[in-house]
Amino acid sequence: MRAQLVADITGYYLAGTPDTPGAYVPLTPARLLDTRTNLGGTGPVTAHGTVHLPIAGQAGVPASGASTVVMNVTVTEPKAAGNITVYPDGTTMPTTSNLNFTAGQTIPNLVLAKLGTNGRVSLTNNSGTVS
């Protein structure tokens, strides 16, 4: 099974313990991943395949100092039901999903994802066929 994924960054949270307001930094939305055009990852993503998406230093996110990102993740035209999990790159994938889809559905979901120590997030196709 395969999946096409799209991810648009919309903001980030500063690292550390906030002691003043303003820990969230909104950004003008920018596309960092579109596997239909091989932007940020080659598509389609195979079943149980993972995209290791660089975030730090991209589209207004600082190269250091960001801990978590806010992004809109979309799956388009799936041929079967499935789900996507977004998590810090270099860590164990959690058992929960961020985006669930049914056959024939194009669906987005707003996701908050902690960055891995390498400034990336992983997006894993736990099932599903999308083209």
N, C-alpha and C. Protein backbone atom coordinates (compact mmCIF):
# COMPACT_ATOMS: atom_id res chain seq x y z
N MET A 1 0.84 -1.18 0.00
CA MET A 1 0.00 0.00 0.00
C MET A 1 0.88 1.24 0.00
N ARG A 2 0.40 2.31 -0.63
CA ARG A 2 1.20 3.52 -0.76
C ARG A 2 0.36 4.73 -0.38
N ALA A 3 1.03 5.83 -0.07
CA ALA A 3 0.33 7.06 0.31
C ALA A 3 1.08 8.27 -0.23
N GLN A 4 0.34 9.25 -0.74
CA GLN A 4 0.90 10.55 -1.10
C GLN A 4 0.63 11.47 0.08
N LEU A 5 1.65 12.22 0.50
CA LEU A 5 1.51 13.09 1.67
C LEU A 5 1.87 14.52 1.32
N VAL A 6 1.18 15.45 1.96
CA VAL A 6 1.44 16.88 1.82
C VAL A 6 1.53 17.46 3.23
N ALA A 7 2.53 18.32 3.50
CA ALA A 7 2.64 18.96 4.82
C ALA A 7 3.01 20.42 4.63
N ASP A 8 2.22 21.29 5.25
CA ASP A 8 2.45 22.74 5.22
C ASP A 8 2.75 23.21 6.64
N ILE A 9 3.88 23.86 6.83
CA ILE A 9 4.26 24.39 8.14
C ILE A 9 3.49 25.68 8.39
N THR A 10 2.99 25.88 9.62
CA THR A 10 2.23 27.10 9.92
C THR A 10 2.74 27.83 11.16
N GLY A 11 3.68 27.21 11.89
CA GLY A 11 4.22 27.87 13.07
C GLY A 11 5.09 26.93 13.86
N TYR A 12 5.67 27.46 14.95
CA TYR A 12 6.51 26.64 15.81
C TYR A 12 6.48 27.19 17.23
N TYR A 13 6.91 26.35 18.16
CA TYR A 13 7.04 26.73 19.56
C TYR A 13 8.52 26.82 19.90
N LEU A 14 8.87 27.81 20.70
CA LEU A 14 10.25 27.98 21.14
C LEU A 14 10.63 26.89 22.12
N ALA A 15 11.89 26.50 22.09
CA ALA A 15 12.39 25.49 23.03
C ALA A 15 12.54 26.11 24.41
N GLY A 16 12.63 25.26 25.42
CA GLY A 16 12.83 25.72 26.78
C GLY A 16 11.53 25.95 27.51
N THR A 17 11.63 26.48 28.71
CA THR A 17 10.46 26.78 29.52
C THR A 17 10.11 28.24 29.33
N PRO A 18 8.95 28.53 28.74
CA PRO A 18 8.57 29.92 28.51
C PRO A 18 8.39 30.66 29.83
N ASP A 19 9.00 31.82 29.97
CA ASP A 19 8.79 32.63 31.16
C ASP A 19 8.10 33.94 30.81
N THR A 20 7.86 34.14 29.52
CA THR A 20 7.09 35.30 29.07
C THR A 20 6.15 34.85 27.96
N PRO A 21 5.07 35.59 27.72
CA PRO A 21 4.17 35.24 26.63
C PRO A 21 4.92 35.29 25.30
N GLY A 22 4.42 34.55 24.34
CA GLY A 22 5.01 34.59 23.01
C GLY A 22 5.82 33.36 22.66
N ALA A 23 5.57 32.24 23.33
CA ALA A 23 6.32 31.03 23.04
C ALA A 23 5.94 30.45 21.68
N TYR A 24 4.77 30.80 21.15
CA TYR A 24 4.34 30.33 19.83
C TYR A 24 4.67 31.39 18.79
N VAL A 25 5.24 30.96 17.67
CA VAL A 25 5.59 31.87 16.59
C VAL A 25 4.83 31.45 15.34
N PRO A 26 3.81 32.22 14.93
CA PRO A 26 3.09 31.87 13.71
C PRO A 26 3.93 32.20 12.48
N LEU A 27 3.73 31.43 11.43
CA LEU A 27 4.44 31.65 10.17
C LEU A 27 3.44 31.73 9.02
N THR A 28 3.83 32.38 7.95
CA THR A 28 3.05 32.30 6.72
C THR A 28 3.14 30.85 6.26
N PRO A 29 2.01 30.20 6.00
CA PRO A 29 2.07 28.79 5.61
C PRO A 29 3.01 28.56 4.43
N ALA A 30 3.78 27.50 4.52
CA ALA A 30 4.72 27.14 3.46
C ALA A 30 4.74 25.63 3.30
N ARG A 31 4.72 25.16 2.08
CA ARG A 31 4.75 23.73 1.81
C ARG A 31 6.17 23.20 1.93
N LEU A 32 6.35 22.22 2.81
CA LEU A 32 7.64 21.56 2.98
C LEU A 32 7.65 20.15 2.42
N LEU A 33 6.46 19.57 2.24
CA LEU A 33 6.37 18.19 1.76
C LEU A 33 5.22 18.06 0.78
N ASP A 34 5.50 17.47 -0.36
CA ASP A 34 4.47 17.08 -1.32
C ASP A 34 5.04 15.92 -2.12
N THR A 35 4.71 14.70 -1.71
CA THR A 35 5.30 13.53 -2.36
C THR A 35 4.80 13.34 -3.78
N ARG A 36 3.75 14.05 -4.17
CA ARG A 36 3.28 13.98 -5.56
C ARG A 36 4.28 14.60 -6.51
N THR A 37 5.04 15.59 -5.99
CA THR A 37 6.04 16.28 -6.82
C THR A 37 7.46 16.05 -6.30
N ASN A 38 7.62 15.15 -5.34
CA ASN A 38 8.92 14.82 -4.72
C ASN A 38 9.54 15.99 -3.97
N LEU A 39 8.70 16.89 -3.46
CA LEU A 39 9.17 17.99 -2.61
C LEU A 39 9.28 17.47 -1.18
N GLY A 40 10.48 17.43 -0.63
CA GLY A 40 10.69 17.02 0.75
C GLY A 40 10.67 15.52 0.98
N GLY A 41 10.26 14.76 -0.01
CA GLY A 41 10.21 13.31 0.10
C GLY A 41 9.71 12.72 -1.20
N THR A 42 10.18 11.53 -1.49
CA THR A 42 9.80 10.85 -2.72
C THR A 42 8.51 10.07 -2.50
N GLY A 43 7.61 10.19 -3.44
CA GLY A 43 6.34 9.50 -3.28
C GLY A 43 6.06 8.58 -4.42
N PRO A 44 5.04 7.78 -4.25
CA PRO A 44 4.26 7.66 -3.03
C PRO A 44 5.04 6.93 -1.93
N VAL A 45 4.61 7.16 -0.69
CA VAL A 45 5.25 6.53 0.45
C VAL A 45 4.65 5.12 0.59
N THR A 46 5.49 4.11 0.58
CA THR A 46 5.02 2.74 0.65
C THR A 46 4.45 2.42 2.03
N ALA A 47 3.72 1.32 2.12
CA ALA A 47 3.18 0.87 3.40
C ALA A 47 4.32 0.71 4.40
N HIS A 48 4.15 1.27 5.57
CA HIS A 48 5.13 1.26 6.66
C HIS A 48 6.41 2.02 6.29
N GLY A 49 6.33 2.81 5.21
CA GLY A 49 7.44 3.67 4.83
C GLY A 49 7.40 4.96 5.62
N THR A 50 8.55 5.61 5.73
CA THR A 50 8.66 6.83 6.53
C THR A 50 9.38 7.91 5.75
N VAL A 51 8.85 9.14 5.82
CA VAL A 51 9.52 10.31 5.30
C VAL A 51 10.19 11.00 6.48
N HIS A 52 11.48 11.30 6.35
CA HIS A 52 12.24 12.01 7.39
C HIS A 52 12.37 13.45 6.92
N LEU A 53 11.43 14.30 7.34
CA LEU A 53 11.28 15.65 6.81
C LEU A 53 12.09 16.68 7.57
N PRO A 54 13.07 17.33 6.91
CA PRO A 54 13.82 18.42 7.56
C PRO A 54 12.90 19.62 7.81
N ILE A 55 12.92 20.14 9.02
CA ILE A 55 12.08 21.28 9.40
C ILE A 55 12.95 22.45 9.86
N ALA A 56 13.88 22.19 10.77
CA ALA A 56 14.72 23.27 11.32
C ALA A 56 15.47 23.97 10.20
N GLY A 57 15.41 25.30 10.21
CA GLY A 57 16.09 26.09 9.18
C GLY A 57 15.29 26.24 7.90
N GLN A 58 14.06 25.76 7.86
CA GLN A 58 13.22 25.82 6.66
C GLN A 58 12.03 26.75 6.87
N ALA A 59 11.69 27.52 5.87
CA ALA A 59 10.42 28.28 5.80
C ALA A 59 10.15 29.14 7.03
N GLY A 60 11.19 29.71 7.63
CA GLY A 60 11.00 30.60 8.78
C GLY A 60 11.21 29.94 10.13
N VAL A 61 11.33 28.62 10.16
CA VAL A 61 11.64 27.93 11.42
C VAL A 61 13.14 28.08 11.64
N PRO A 62 13.56 28.55 12.82
CA PRO A 62 15.00 28.74 13.04
C PRO A 62 15.77 27.41 13.02
N ALA A 63 17.05 27.49 12.68
CA ALA A 63 17.90 26.30 12.63
C ALA A 63 18.07 25.70 14.02
N SER A 64 17.94 26.51 15.08
CA SER A 64 17.95 25.99 16.45
C SER A 64 17.01 26.86 17.28
N GLY A 65 16.53 26.31 18.37
CA GLY A 65 15.66 27.08 19.25
C GLY A 65 14.18 26.78 19.12
N ALA A 66 13.79 25.95 18.15
CA ALA A 66 12.39 25.53 18.03
C ALA A 66 12.27 24.12 18.60
N SER A 67 11.19 23.85 19.32
CA SER A 67 11.02 22.52 19.90
C SER A 67 9.91 21.72 19.22
N THR A 68 8.86 22.41 18.82
CA THR A 68 7.67 21.76 18.27
C THR A 68 7.17 22.59 17.10
N VAL A 69 6.66 21.91 16.09
CA VAL A 69 6.10 22.62 14.93
C VAL A 69 4.61 22.35 14.79
N VAL A 70 3.95 23.30 14.18
CA VAL A 70 2.53 23.17 13.86
C VAL A 70 2.45 23.06 12.34
N MET A 71 1.82 21.99 11.85
CA MET A 71 1.70 21.83 10.41
C MET A 71 0.41 21.15 10.05
N ASN A 72 -0.01 21.42 8.84
CA ASN A 72 -1.20 20.81 8.28
C ASN A 72 -0.73 19.64 7.42
N VAL A 73 -1.11 18.42 7.78
CA VAL A 73 -0.72 17.22 7.04
C VAL A 73 -1.94 16.70 6.29
N THR A 74 -1.77 16.40 5.01
CA THR A 74 -2.88 15.96 4.16
C THR A 74 -2.55 14.66 3.46
N VAL A 75 -3.54 13.78 3.36
CA VAL A 75 -3.49 12.59 2.52
C VAL A 75 -4.53 12.82 1.43
N THR A 76 -4.21 12.44 0.19
CA THR A 76 -5.15 12.68 -0.89
C THR A 76 -5.47 11.42 -1.68
N GLU A 77 -6.75 11.26 -2.00
CA GLU A 77 -7.30 10.19 -2.84
C GLU A 77 -6.84 8.78 -2.46
N PRO A 78 -7.00 8.39 -1.21
CA PRO A 78 -6.59 7.04 -0.83
C PRO A 78 -7.46 5.97 -1.49
N LYS A 79 -6.84 4.87 -1.82
CA LYS A 79 -7.56 3.73 -2.40
C LYS A 79 -8.03 2.76 -1.32
N ALA A 80 -7.50 2.91 -0.10
CA ALA A 80 -7.89 2.07 1.04
C ALA A 80 -7.76 2.90 2.31
N ALA A 81 -8.41 2.45 3.36
CA ALA A 81 -8.32 3.13 4.65
C ALA A 81 -6.92 2.99 5.24
N GLY A 82 -6.53 3.95 6.06
CA GLY A 82 -5.22 3.88 6.69
C GLY A 82 -5.01 5.01 7.66
N ASN A 83 -3.76 5.20 8.10
CA ASN A 83 -3.44 6.28 9.02
C ASN A 83 -1.97 6.67 8.90
N ILE A 84 -1.69 7.90 9.32
CA ILE A 84 -0.35 8.47 9.29
C ILE A 84 0.02 8.87 10.73
N THR A 85 1.26 8.60 11.12
CA THR A 85 1.76 9.02 12.42
C THR A 85 2.91 9.99 12.19
N VAL A 86 2.87 11.14 12.87
CA VAL A 86 3.91 12.16 12.80
C VAL A 86 4.57 12.23 14.17
N TYR A 87 5.91 12.18 14.21
CA TYR A 87 6.62 12.11 15.49
C TYR A 87 8.06 12.60 15.32
N PRO A 88 8.76 12.85 16.43
CA PRO A 88 10.14 13.34 16.34
C PRO A 88 11.04 12.32 15.62
N ASP A 89 11.76 12.76 14.62
CA ASP A 89 12.67 11.87 13.90
C ASP A 89 13.73 11.34 14.85
N GLY A 90 14.08 10.06 14.68
CA GLY A 90 15.10 9.45 15.52
C GLY A 90 14.58 8.87 16.81
N THR A 91 13.25 8.90 17.00
CA THR A 91 12.64 8.32 18.20
C THR A 91 11.74 7.16 17.79
N THR A 92 11.28 6.42 18.76
CA THR A 92 10.36 5.32 18.51
C THR A 92 8.99 5.87 18.12
N MET A 93 8.40 5.30 17.08
CA MET A 93 7.09 5.75 16.64
C MET A 93 6.04 5.43 17.71
N PRO A 94 5.21 6.42 18.07
CA PRO A 94 4.14 6.14 19.04
C PRO A 94 3.09 5.21 18.44
N THR A 95 2.24 4.68 19.28
CA THR A 95 1.22 3.75 18.81
C THR A 95 -0.07 4.45 18.39
N THR A 96 -0.08 5.78 18.48
CA THR A 96 -1.26 6.54 18.07
C THR A 96 -1.03 7.18 16.71
N SER A 97 -2.11 7.55 16.05
CA SER A 97 -2.00 8.18 14.73
C SER A 97 -2.40 9.65 14.81
N ASN A 98 -1.97 10.43 13.82
CA ASN A 98 -2.33 11.84 13.73
C ASN A 98 -3.37 12.10 12.65
N LEU A 99 -3.44 11.22 11.68
CA LEU A 99 -4.33 11.42 10.54
C LEU A 99 -4.88 10.07 10.11
N ASN A 100 -6.19 9.93 10.14
CA ASN A 100 -6.86 8.70 9.72
C ASN A 100 -7.68 8.99 8.48
N PHE A 101 -7.70 8.05 7.55
CA PHE A 101 -8.42 8.28 6.30
C PHE A 101 -9.14 7.02 5.84
N THR A 102 -10.16 7.24 5.02
CA THR A 102 -10.90 6.14 4.41
C THR A 102 -10.67 6.18 2.91
N ALA A 103 -11.03 5.12 2.24
CA ALA A 103 -10.85 5.02 0.79
C ALA A 103 -11.56 6.17 0.08
N GLY A 104 -10.87 6.78 -0.89
CA GLY A 104 -11.44 7.85 -1.70
C GLY A 104 -11.47 9.22 -1.05
N GLN A 105 -10.97 9.36 0.14
CA GLN A 105 -11.05 10.61 0.89
C GLN A 105 -9.76 11.41 0.77
N THR A 106 -9.90 12.73 0.59
CA THR A 106 -8.78 13.65 0.74
C THR A 106 -9.03 14.39 2.04
N ILE A 107 -8.07 14.27 2.98
CA ILE A 107 -8.32 14.81 4.31
C ILE A 107 -7.06 15.39 4.92
N PRO A 108 -7.17 16.61 5.50
CA PRO A 108 -6.06 17.20 6.24
C PRO A 108 -6.29 17.08 7.74
N ASN A 109 -5.23 17.31 8.50
CA ASN A 109 -5.35 17.42 9.95
C ASN A 109 -4.24 18.32 10.45
N LEU A 110 -4.57 19.18 11.40
CA LEU A 110 -3.58 20.04 12.03
C LEU A 110 -2.80 19.20 13.04
N VAL A 111 -1.47 19.22 12.94
CA VAL A 111 -0.61 18.36 13.76
C VAL A 111 0.43 19.21 14.49
N LEU A 112 0.61 18.96 15.78
CA LEU A 112 1.74 19.50 16.53
C LEU A 112 2.72 18.36 16.69
N ALA A 113 3.95 18.59 16.25
CA ALA A 113 4.96 17.53 16.30
C ALA A 113 6.25 18.07 16.88
N LYS A 114 6.76 17.39 17.87
CA LYS A 114 8.06 17.73 18.45
C LYS A 114 9.13 17.41 17.42
N LEU A 115 10.14 18.28 17.32
CA LEU A 115 11.25 18.03 16.41
C LEU A 115 12.21 17.02 17.04
N GLY A 116 12.80 16.16 16.21
CA GLY A 116 13.87 15.29 16.67
C GLY A 116 15.11 16.14 16.93
N THR A 117 16.11 15.57 17.57
CA THR A 117 17.33 16.32 17.86
C THR A 117 18.05 16.76 16.59
N ASN A 118 17.71 16.14 15.45
CA ASN A 118 18.28 16.50 14.16
C ASN A 118 17.45 17.55 13.42
N GLY A 119 16.40 18.09 14.07
CA GLY A 119 15.57 19.12 13.45
C GLY A 119 14.56 18.59 12.45
N ARG A 120 14.27 17.30 12.50
CA ARG A 120 13.35 16.67 11.55
C ARG A 120 12.15 16.05 12.27
N VAL A 121 11.09 15.81 11.50
CA VAL A 121 9.99 14.98 11.96
C VAL A 121 9.88 13.79 11.02
N SER A 122 9.34 12.71 11.52
CA SER A 122 9.06 11.53 10.72
C SER A 122 7.58 11.44 10.48
N LEU A 123 7.20 11.07 9.27
CA LEU A 123 5.81 10.81 8.92
C LEU A 123 5.76 9.39 8.39
N THR A 124 5.07 8.51 9.11
CA THR A 124 5.03 7.10 8.73
C THR A 124 3.65 6.73 8.25
N ASN A 125 3.63 6.05 7.09
CA ASN A 125 2.40 5.50 6.52
C ASN A 125 2.19 4.12 7.14
N ASN A 126 1.31 4.04 8.13
CA ASN A 126 1.08 2.77 8.81
C ASN A 126 0.24 1.79 8.01
N SER A 127 -0.33 2.25 6.92
CA SER A 127 -1.16 1.40 6.07
C SER A 127 -1.55 2.24 4.86
N GLY A 128 -2.63 1.90 4.22
CA GLY A 128 -3.24 2.76 3.23
C GLY A 128 -2.59 2.83 1.87
N THR A 129 -3.42 3.03 0.87
CA THR A 129 -2.97 3.23 -0.50
C THR A 129 -3.51 4.57 -0.97
N VAL A 130 -2.64 5.45 -1.38
CA VAL A 130 -3.05 6.76 -1.87
C VAL A 130 -2.28 7.05 -3.14
N SER A 131 -2.95 7.54 -4.17
CA SER A 131 -2.21 7.93 -5.37
C SER A 131 -2.80 9.17 -5.98
